[in-house]
Amino acid sequence: MGTFCSVIKFENLQELKRLCHWGPIIALSVIAICSTMAMIDSVLWYWPLHTTGGSVNFIMLINWTVMILYNYFNAMFAGPGFVPREWKPENLQDSMYLQYCKVCQAYKAPRSHHCRKCNRCILKMDHHCPWINNCCGHQNHASFTLFLLLAPLGCIHAAFIFVMTMYTQLYNRLSFGWNTVKIDMSAARRDPLPIVPFGLAAFAATLFALGLALGTTIAVGMLFFIQIKIILRNKTSIESWIEEKAKDRIQYYQLDEVFIFPYDMGSKWKNFKQVFTWSGVPEGDGLEWPVREGCHQYSLTIEQLKQKADKRVRSVRYKVIEDFSGAYCPLNRGLKTFFTSPCTEEPRIQLQKGELILATRGLRYWLYGDKIVDDSFIEGTSRIRGWFPRNCVEKCPCDGESDPAPEGEKKNR
């Protein structure tokens, strides 16, 4: 009893409130519906337990469900890891390379960023995921990625069960004929017949579960592809955008320098081992990181400070060339834009042709920034912030003239 009480603490119970959110509710509902219907369809109508194959199939279905839920809850409740409050580098002189977070009353460690939803600085923050109602970061990156892998695999197995159940049961009950073509379906009958008949309600429930399984396979599978790609480069989504802005800064000022991402070990296997380990615990403490030759611990944070000081890079101006409704998954903007919609609760901006946007970060097909609603944008007092598709806007040809760096500064740089 004492051991049980030491595991379940008040802080752990407080974390249960993460379940009271639309993201986990939808995700867990999809898992429950697909898993339950797959087991019911398999046992009652397609692959009964008294056969060897049916027993193995049932065990596999349970195994998928357990592994998916384990990694899902681990990603949600273990959390990404936070920068300790009032943290500062051991060598105080290194603080000049770091940004200070007034909310956490601490310096932002390398690769960490402040999350407005969690209200904490997150270690190696990738993004805040509404489906787990938590951030994806240093400590839960592996569990989150494994969930993104196992969910589509389990759904593929369930979808196979759904298709075969409907096929065999409808084959038993229906006959189709076209003019001279007749199909004899008597060979598909199973003896003995199932105890519970496959009625209209069972067909509708199976068809609905099939739709959920296929949709989850496509959507979550694409998220897994995105995550594994950045893991093999030892980056996060935020760091990819920082690197893109670094190259833009160097190109704009025609500097004689090359930005080298410091955390890429030069080997996909070494990068992979930074996240996935046999123990399940990621390497390092999330505050200090191994870097490649020619870089040091604060190479990326120094680049961030340069970008913060450079107004032109921090917010690039775009002009709206096509209207955008503000939909979270717009079908009319193309399939790539539809399927790569950012997995975040942050709003989408409704755009009208001719408006101006200041973009601060983005993905391949989406940008994040502020819509300028009047001439007060210089002071930053009147803006609407959110995501919008890249193919709705184009970079202003006069961007360099709109927010220029002083001529003397350009020459000095």
Protein backbone atom coordinates (compact mmCIF):
# COMPACT_ATOMS: atom_id res chain seq x y z
CA MET A 1 0.00 0.00 0.00
CA GLY A 2 2.86 2.36 0.80
CA THR A 3 4.47 1.66 -2.57
CA PHE A 4 1.15 2.30 -4.34
CA CYS A 5 0.74 5.65 -2.59
CA SER A 6 4.31 6.66 -3.42
CA VAL A 7 3.65 6.10 -7.12
CA ILE A 8 0.29 7.88 -7.26
CA LYS A 9 0.90 11.36 -5.93
CA PHE A 10 -1.24 14.46 -5.98
CA GLU A 11 0.87 15.88 -8.83
CA ASN A 12 0.20 12.75 -10.91
CA LEU A 13 -3.53 13.02 -10.34
CA GLN A 14 -3.42 16.67 -11.37
CA GLU A 15 -1.95 15.58 -14.71
CA LEU A 16 -5.18 13.66 -15.44
CA LYS A 17 -6.79 16.97 -16.35
CA ARG A 18 -4.87 16.74 -19.63
CA LEU A 19 -7.47 14.18 -20.69
CA CYS A 20 -10.22 16.82 -20.46
CA HIS A 21 -9.42 18.34 -23.83
CA TRP A 22 -10.80 17.83 -27.33
CA GLY A 23 -7.50 16.40 -28.61
CA PRO A 24 -7.14 13.40 -26.24
CA ILE A 25 -10.91 12.83 -26.28
CA ILE A 26 -10.94 12.45 -30.08
CA ALA A 27 -7.70 10.45 -30.20
CA LEU A 28 -8.76 7.99 -27.49
CA SER A 29 -12.23 7.67 -29.03
CA VAL A 30 -10.73 6.70 -32.40
CA ILE A 31 -8.44 4.15 -30.72
CA ALA A 32 -11.34 2.69 -28.72
CA ILE A 33 -13.71 2.46 -31.71
CA CYS A 34 -11.18 0.89 -34.09
CA SER A 35 -9.82 -1.57 -31.52
CA THR A 36 -13.22 -2.65 -30.20
CA MET A 37 -14.81 -3.09 -33.62
CA ALA A 38 -11.78 -5.00 -34.94
CA MET A 39 -11.98 -7.46 -32.05
CA ILE A 40 -15.76 -7.87 -32.33
CA ASP A 41 -15.69 -8.32 -36.11
CA SER A 42 -12.82 -10.77 -35.91
CA VAL A 43 -14.27 -12.99 -33.18
CA LEU A 44 -17.91 -12.99 -34.27
CA TRP A 45 -17.81 -12.91 -38.05
CA TYR A 46 -14.40 -13.27 -39.67
CA TRP A 47 -11.78 -15.18 -37.64
CA PRO A 48 -13.26 -17.00 -34.59
CA LEU A 49 -11.10 -17.81 -31.58
CA HIS A 50 -11.44 -21.62 -31.89
CA THR A 51 -9.03 -21.49 -34.85
CA THR A 52 -5.26 -21.04 -34.45
CA GLY A 53 -5.16 -18.12 -36.84
CA GLY A 54 -8.07 -16.46 -35.05
CA SER A 55 -6.32 -16.72 -31.68
CA VAL A 56 -3.07 -15.27 -33.05
CA ASN A 57 -4.99 -12.50 -34.78
CA PHE A 58 -6.84 -11.60 -31.57
CA ILE A 59 -3.59 -11.48 -29.57
CA MET A 60 -2.06 -9.20 -32.21
CA LEU A 61 -5.02 -6.82 -32.00
CA ILE A 62 -4.67 -6.61 -28.22
CA ASN A 63 -0.91 -6.11 -28.60
CA TRP A 64 -1.40 -3.18 -31.01
CA THR A 65 -3.86 -1.54 -28.63
CA VAL A 66 -1.61 -1.91 -25.57
CA MET A 67 1.50 -0.58 -27.34
CA ILE A 68 -0.37 2.36 -28.89
CA LEU A 69 -1.92 3.37 -25.56
CA TYR A 70 1.36 2.90 -23.68
CA ASN A 71 3.28 5.24 -25.97
CA TYR A 72 0.37 7.68 -26.17
CA PHE A 73 0.04 8.06 -22.39
CA ASN A 74 3.80 8.09 -21.97
CA ALA A 75 4.07 10.99 -24.43
CA MET A 76 1.24 12.78 -22.65
CA PHE A 77 2.10 12.27 -18.98
CA ALA A 78 5.89 11.87 -19.05
CA GLY A 79 6.02 15.22 -20.79
CA PRO A 80 8.79 16.87 -22.79
CA GLY A 81 10.91 18.02 -19.85
CA PHE A 82 11.18 21.61 -18.61
CA VAL A 83 14.08 23.98 -18.10
CA PRO A 84 14.49 24.23 -14.29
CA ARG A 85 13.15 27.47 -12.87
CA GLU A 86 15.81 30.11 -12.30
CA TRP A 87 18.26 28.04 -14.38
CA LYS A 88 21.47 29.70 -15.52
CA PRO A 89 24.61 28.29 -17.18
CA GLU A 90 27.45 27.14 -14.96
CA ASN A 91 29.71 29.74 -16.50
CA LEU A 92 27.83 33.00 -16.04
CA GLN A 93 29.70 34.56 -18.95
CA ASP A 94 27.84 32.16 -21.26
CA SER A 95 24.56 33.86 -20.36
CA MET A 96 25.40 36.53 -22.95
CA TYR A 97 24.64 33.92 -25.62
CA LEU A 98 21.24 33.02 -24.17
CA GLN A 99 17.80 34.61 -24.11
CA TYR A 100 16.11 35.23 -20.78
CA CYS A 101 12.54 34.09 -20.09
CA LYS A 102 10.72 36.48 -17.80
CA VAL A 103 7.89 34.01 -17.21
CA CYS A 104 10.12 31.14 -16.03
CA GLN A 105 12.65 33.52 -14.46
CA ALA A 106 15.43 31.54 -16.12
CA TYR A 107 17.71 31.57 -19.14
CA LYS A 108 16.56 29.52 -22.12
CA ALA A 109 18.89 26.55 -22.43
CA PRO A 110 20.16 25.64 -25.91
CA ARG A 111 17.36 24.15 -28.06
CA SER A 112 14.68 25.15 -25.54
CA HIS A 113 11.73 27.45 -26.24
CA HIS A 114 8.87 28.85 -24.20
CA CYS A 115 5.44 27.33 -24.82
CA ARG A 116 2.49 29.64 -24.24
CA LYS A 117 0.15 26.68 -23.72
CA CYS A 118 2.30 24.90 -21.11
CA ASN A 119 3.56 28.23 -19.72
CA ARG A 120 7.06 26.73 -19.32
CA CYS A 121 10.33 26.62 -21.25
CA ILE A 122 10.46 23.23 -22.98
CA LEU A 123 13.67 21.23 -23.45
CA LYS A 124 14.36 20.67 -27.18
CA MET A 125 10.85 21.83 -28.02
CA ASP A 126 9.48 20.55 -31.34
CA HIS A 127 5.86 21.69 -31.11
CA HIS A 128 2.82 21.73 -28.85
CA CYS A 129 0.59 18.83 -29.93
CA PRO A 130 -3.15 19.18 -29.22
CA TRP A 131 -3.69 15.42 -29.66
CA ILE A 132 -1.68 14.67 -26.51
CA ASN A 133 -2.47 18.09 -24.99
CA ASN A 134 1.22 18.51 -24.23
CA CYS A 135 4.47 19.55 -25.89
CA CYS A 136 6.68 17.21 -27.87
CA GLY A 137 10.22 17.68 -26.61
CA HIS A 138 13.36 16.06 -25.25
CA GLN A 139 11.92 13.41 -22.91
CA ASN A 140 8.83 12.30 -24.86
CA HIS A 141 10.03 12.65 -28.47
CA ALA A 142 10.67 8.90 -28.78
CA SER A 143 7.30 7.89 -27.28
CA PHE A 144 5.47 10.40 -29.45
CA THR A 145 7.19 9.15 -32.62
CA LEU A 146 6.55 5.50 -31.72
CA PHE A 147 2.88 6.34 -31.23
CA LEU A 148 2.85 7.92 -34.71
CA LEU A 149 4.34 4.67 -36.10
CA LEU A 150 2.24 2.13 -34.20
CA ALA A 151 -1.12 3.87 -34.72
CA PRO A 152 -1.07 3.53 -38.56
CA LEU A 153 0.22 -0.07 -38.33
CA GLY A 154 -2.56 -1.02 -35.94
CA CYS A 155 -5.12 0.75 -38.12
CA ILE A 156 -3.91 -1.12 -41.22
CA HIS A 157 -4.45 -4.42 -39.38
CA ALA A 158 -7.90 -3.28 -38.21
CA ALA A 159 -8.83 -2.05 -41.71
CA PHE A 160 -7.98 -5.50 -43.10
CA ILE A 161 -10.32 -7.10 -40.55
CA PHE A 162 -13.11 -4.64 -41.41
CA VAL A 163 -12.81 -5.19 -45.17
CA MET A 164 -12.71 -8.99 -44.88
CA THR A 165 -15.62 -9.03 -42.43
CA MET A 166 -17.86 -6.99 -44.74
CA TYR A 167 -16.72 -8.96 -47.77
CA THR A 168 -17.39 -12.42 -46.32
CA GLN A 169 -20.66 -11.48 -44.62
CA LEU A 170 -22.11 -9.64 -47.59
CA TYR A 171 -20.94 -12.45 -49.82
CA ASN A 172 -23.09 -14.76 -47.71
CA ARG A 173 -26.22 -12.65 -47.98
CA LEU A 174 -26.27 -10.93 -51.35
CA SER A 175 -26.22 -11.94 -54.99
CA PHE A 176 -25.39 -9.59 -57.82
CA GLY A 177 -26.44 -9.92 -61.43
CA TRP A 178 -25.92 -7.93 -64.54
CA ASN A 179 -27.88 -8.99 -67.60
CA THR A 180 -26.00 -12.20 -68.51
CA VAL A 181 -23.52 -12.24 -65.61
CA LYS A 182 -24.50 -14.21 -62.52
CA ILE A 183 -22.27 -14.74 -59.47
CA ASP A 184 -22.83 -17.83 -57.35
CA MET A 185 -22.05 -16.99 -53.73
CA SER A 186 -22.96 -20.24 -52.08
CA ALA A 187 -19.29 -21.22 -51.73
CA ALA A 188 -18.66 -18.36 -49.33
CA ARG A 189 -21.08 -19.60 -46.71
CA ARG A 190 -19.55 -20.52 -43.39
CA ASP A 191 -20.70 -23.55 -41.47
CA PRO A 192 -21.77 -23.19 -38.75
CA LEU A 193 -23.32 -19.76 -39.19
CA PRO A 194 -22.28 -17.06 -36.66
CA ILE A 195 -24.30 -16.91 -33.45
CA VAL A 196 -24.86 -13.17 -33.85
CA PRO A 197 -26.04 -12.25 -37.36
CA PHE A 198 -24.20 -9.53 -39.24
CA GLY A 199 -27.05 -7.03 -39.46
CA LEU A 200 -27.41 -3.50 -40.74
CA ALA A 201 -26.19 -1.94 -37.48
CA ALA A 202 -23.04 -4.11 -37.51
CA PHE A 203 -22.41 -3.19 -41.14
CA ALA A 204 -22.78 0.55 -40.43
CA ALA A 205 -20.50 0.35 -37.38
CA THR A 206 -17.86 -1.60 -39.31
CA LEU A 207 -17.98 0.82 -42.23
CA PHE A 208 -17.64 3.78 -39.86
CA ALA A 209 -14.66 2.16 -38.11
CA LEU A 210 -13.09 1.44 -41.49
CA GLY A 211 -13.31 5.12 -42.39
CA LEU A 212 -11.66 6.10 -39.11
CA ALA A 213 -8.89 3.52 -39.58
CA LEU A 214 -8.09 4.64 -43.12
CA GLY A 215 -8.18 8.33 -42.19
CA THR A 216 -5.90 7.73 -39.21
CA THR A 217 -3.47 5.70 -41.31
CA ILE A 218 -3.06 8.53 -43.82
CA ALA A 219 -3.01 11.49 -41.42
CA VAL A 220 -0.88 9.98 -38.64
CA GLY A 221 1.36 8.22 -41.14
CA MET A 222 2.25 11.56 -42.72
CA LEU A 223 3.01 13.01 -39.28
CA PHE A 224 5.32 10.06 -38.60
CA PHE A 225 7.13 10.68 -41.88
CA ILE A 226 7.69 14.34 -40.92
CA GLN A 227 8.93 13.44 -37.44
CA ILE A 228 11.33 10.70 -38.52
CA LYS A 229 12.77 12.99 -41.19
CA ILE A 230 13.69 15.70 -38.67
CA ILE A 231 14.94 13.09 -36.16
CA LEU A 232 17.39 11.70 -38.74
CA ARG A 233 18.68 15.26 -39.15
CA ASN A 234 18.70 15.78 -35.37
CA LYS A 235 16.51 18.86 -35.70
CA THR A 236 13.15 20.06 -34.48
CA SER A 237 10.45 21.85 -36.47
CA ILE A 238 11.44 25.14 -34.83
CA GLU A 239 15.14 24.62 -35.57
CA SER A 240 14.38 23.92 -39.23
CA TRP A 241 12.78 27.35 -39.44
CA ILE A 242 15.73 28.97 -37.63
CA GLU A 243 18.11 27.36 -40.14
CA GLU A 244 16.01 28.62 -43.04
CA LYS A 245 16.08 32.17 -41.67
CA ALA A 246 19.85 31.91 -41.11
CA LYS A 247 20.42 31.11 -44.77
CA ASP A 248 18.10 33.96 -45.74
CA ARG A 249 20.04 36.40 -43.52
CA ILE A 250 23.39 35.35 -44.99
CA GLN A 251 22.09 35.58 -48.55
CA TYR A 252 20.41 38.97 -48.02
CA TYR A 253 23.49 40.66 -46.54
CA GLN A 254 25.85 38.69 -48.85
CA LEU A 255 27.97 37.60 -45.91
CA ASP A 256 31.08 35.50 -46.33
CA GLU A 257 29.95 32.80 -43.92
CA VAL A 258 28.19 29.44 -43.94
CA PHE A 259 25.68 28.44 -41.29
CA ILE A 260 26.34 24.90 -40.05
CA PHE A 261 23.62 23.30 -37.97
CA PRO A 262 25.55 22.35 -34.81
CA TYR A 263 23.59 19.31 -33.63
CA ASP A 264 23.67 17.23 -36.82
CA MET A 265 26.25 14.54 -36.05
CA GLY A 266 26.81 13.86 -39.75
CA SER A 267 25.35 10.35 -39.50
CA LYS A 268 21.66 9.43 -39.59
CA TRP A 269 22.33 6.54 -37.21
CA LYS A 270 24.04 8.80 -34.67
CA ASN A 271 21.20 11.30 -34.95
CA PHE A 272 18.67 8.48 -34.53
CA LYS A 273 20.40 7.32 -31.32
CA GLN A 274 20.05 10.81 -29.85
CA VAL A 275 16.29 10.13 -29.54
CA PHE A 276 15.85 6.34 -29.50
CA THR A 277 17.75 4.28 -26.94
CA TRP A 278 17.34 0.72 -25.63
CA SER A 279 16.51 2.05 -22.17
CA GLY A 280 13.82 4.35 -23.55
CA VAL A 281 15.51 7.33 -21.88
CA PRO A 282 16.94 9.86 -24.36
CA GLU A 283 20.62 10.72 -24.19
CA GLY A 284 21.70 13.75 -22.18
CA ASP A 285 19.92 16.00 -19.72
CA GLY A 286 18.40 18.29 -22.34
CA LEU A 287 20.53 21.26 -21.19
CA GLU A 288 23.82 20.40 -22.91
CA TRP A 289 24.19 18.71 -26.29
CA PRO A 290 26.97 17.10 -28.30
CA VAL A 291 27.87 19.25 -31.30
CA ARG A 292 29.67 18.60 -34.56
CA GLU A 293 33.22 19.70 -35.25
CA GLY A 294 33.62 23.42 -35.87
CA CYS A 295 30.62 24.36 -33.70
CA HIS A 296 30.12 24.90 -30.01
CA GLN A 297 27.27 24.66 -27.51
CA TYR A 298 25.87 28.11 -28.29
CA SER A 299 26.20 28.21 -32.09
CA LEU A 300 22.43 28.03 -32.61
CA THR A 301 21.54 30.43 -29.79
CA ILE A 302 24.00 33.00 -31.18
CA GLU A 303 22.26 32.70 -34.55
CA GLN A 304 18.90 33.23 -32.83
CA LEU A 305 20.21 36.41 -31.21
CA LYS A 306 21.39 37.65 -34.60
CA GLN A 307 17.96 37.00 -36.07
CA LYS A 308 16.25 38.68 -33.15
CA ALA A 309 18.38 41.78 -33.68
CA ASP A 310 17.69 41.70 -37.42
CA LYS A 311 14.14 42.98 -37.90
CA ARG A 312 14.14 42.09 -41.59
CA VAL A 313 14.81 38.41 -40.89
CA ARG A 314 12.62 38.23 -37.80
CA SER A 315 9.51 39.20 -39.78
CA VAL A 316 9.49 38.82 -43.56
CA ARG A 317 6.74 40.73 -45.37
CA TYR A 318 4.36 38.94 -47.73
CA LYS A 319 1.48 40.15 -49.88
CA VAL A 320 -1.74 38.13 -50.17
CA ILE A 321 -2.36 37.08 -53.79
CA GLU A 322 -5.36 34.77 -53.20
CA ASP A 323 -8.19 34.78 -50.65
CA PHE A 324 -8.04 32.26 -47.81
CA SER A 325 -11.05 31.32 -45.67
CA GLY A 326 -9.07 30.52 -42.52
CA ALA A 327 -9.97 26.80 -42.59
CA TYR A 328 -7.75 24.47 -40.58
CA CYS A 329 -7.52 21.89 -43.40
CA PRO A 330 -8.39 23.71 -46.64
CA LEU A 331 -9.27 21.39 -49.51
CA ASN A 332 -9.13 24.14 -52.13
CA ARG A 333 -5.45 24.92 -51.47
CA GLY A 334 -4.15 21.60 -52.77
CA LEU A 335 -3.57 18.16 -51.28
CA LYS A 336 -0.07 18.96 -49.98
CA THR A 337 -1.37 21.98 -48.08
CA PHE A 338 -4.36 19.98 -46.82
CA PHE A 339 -2.34 17.05 -45.47
CA THR A 340 0.48 19.17 -44.00
CA SER A 341 -1.76 21.47 -41.98
CA PRO A 342 0.08 22.31 -38.71
CA CYS A 343 -0.89 20.03 -35.83
CA THR A 344 -1.55 22.86 -33.41
CA GLU A 345 -4.39 24.76 -31.81
CA GLU A 346 -2.98 28.06 -33.04
CA PRO A 347 -5.54 29.85 -35.25
CA ARG A 348 -5.56 30.23 -39.03
CA ILE A 349 -5.78 33.75 -40.43
CA GLN A 350 -8.53 34.69 -42.87
CA LEU A 351 -6.89 36.49 -45.79
CA GLN A 352 -8.10 38.74 -48.57
CA LYS A 353 -6.22 39.61 -51.72
CA GLY A 354 -3.98 42.64 -51.30
CA GLU A 355 -3.46 42.40 -47.51
CA LEU A 356 0.01 42.35 -45.96
CA ILE A 357 1.44 39.65 -43.69
CA LEU A 358 4.55 39.61 -41.52
CA ALA A 359 5.80 35.99 -41.34
CA THR A 360 8.01 34.97 -38.43
CA ARG A 361 8.29 31.20 -38.94
CA GLY A 362 6.82 28.44 -41.00
CA LEU A 363 6.73 24.99 -42.53
CA ARG A 364 7.15 23.86 -46.10
CA TYR A 365 3.59 24.68 -47.12
CA TRP A 366 2.48 26.93 -44.25
CA LEU A 367 3.66 30.18 -42.68
CA TYR A 368 3.03 31.68 -39.26
CA GLY A 369 2.86 35.41 -38.67
CA ASP A 370 0.84 38.59 -38.17
CA LYS A 371 -1.73 40.14 -40.49
CA ILE A 372 -1.35 43.90 -40.70
CA VAL A 373 -4.82 45.37 -40.24
CA ASP A 374 -3.87 49.06 -40.28
CA ASP A 375 -0.91 51.42 -40.40
CA SER A 376 -0.07 50.85 -36.74
CA PHE A 377 1.88 47.68 -37.54
CA ILE A 378 5.15 49.52 -37.04
CA GLU A 379 4.44 49.71 -33.33
CA GLY A 380 2.98 46.21 -33.39
CA THR A 381 -0.24 47.30 -31.72
CA SER A 382 -2.81 46.02 -34.19
CA ARG A 383 -2.22 42.54 -35.58
CA ILE A 384 -4.00 39.23 -36.08
CA ARG A 385 -1.69 36.26 -35.54
CA GLY A 386 -1.89 32.71 -36.89
CA TRP A 387 -1.07 30.24 -39.70
CA PHE A 388 -1.76 30.66 -43.43
CA PRO A 389 -0.82 28.69 -46.61
CA ARG A 390 2.31 29.65 -48.50
CA ASN A 391 0.55 29.40 -51.86
CA CYS A 392 -1.81 32.26 -50.88
CA VAL A 393 0.99 34.80 -50.54
CA GLU A 394 4.13 35.99 -52.23
CA LYS A 395 7.14 37.78 -50.77
CA CYS A 396 6.93 41.51 -51.30
CA PRO A 397 9.39 42.57 -54.01
CA CYS A 398 10.10 45.69 -51.93
CA ASP A 399 10.63 43.72 -48.72
CA GLY A 400 14.21 44.87 -48.45
CA GLU A 401 13.05 48.49 -48.78
CA SER A 402 10.12 48.17 -46.39
CA ASP A 403 12.10 47.06 -43.36
CA PRO A 404 15.67 47.91 -44.33
CA ALA A 405 18.72 47.64 -42.18
CA PRO A 406 20.69 50.91 -42.13
CA GLU A 407 23.05 51.24 -45.07
CA GLY A 408 26.01 51.56 -42.75
CA GLU A 409 24.96 48.40 -40.96
CA LYS A 410 24.72 46.50 -44.24
CA LYS A 411 28.22 47.53 -45.23
CA ASN A 412 29.64 46.71 -41.83
CA ARG A 413 28.10 43.28 -41.93
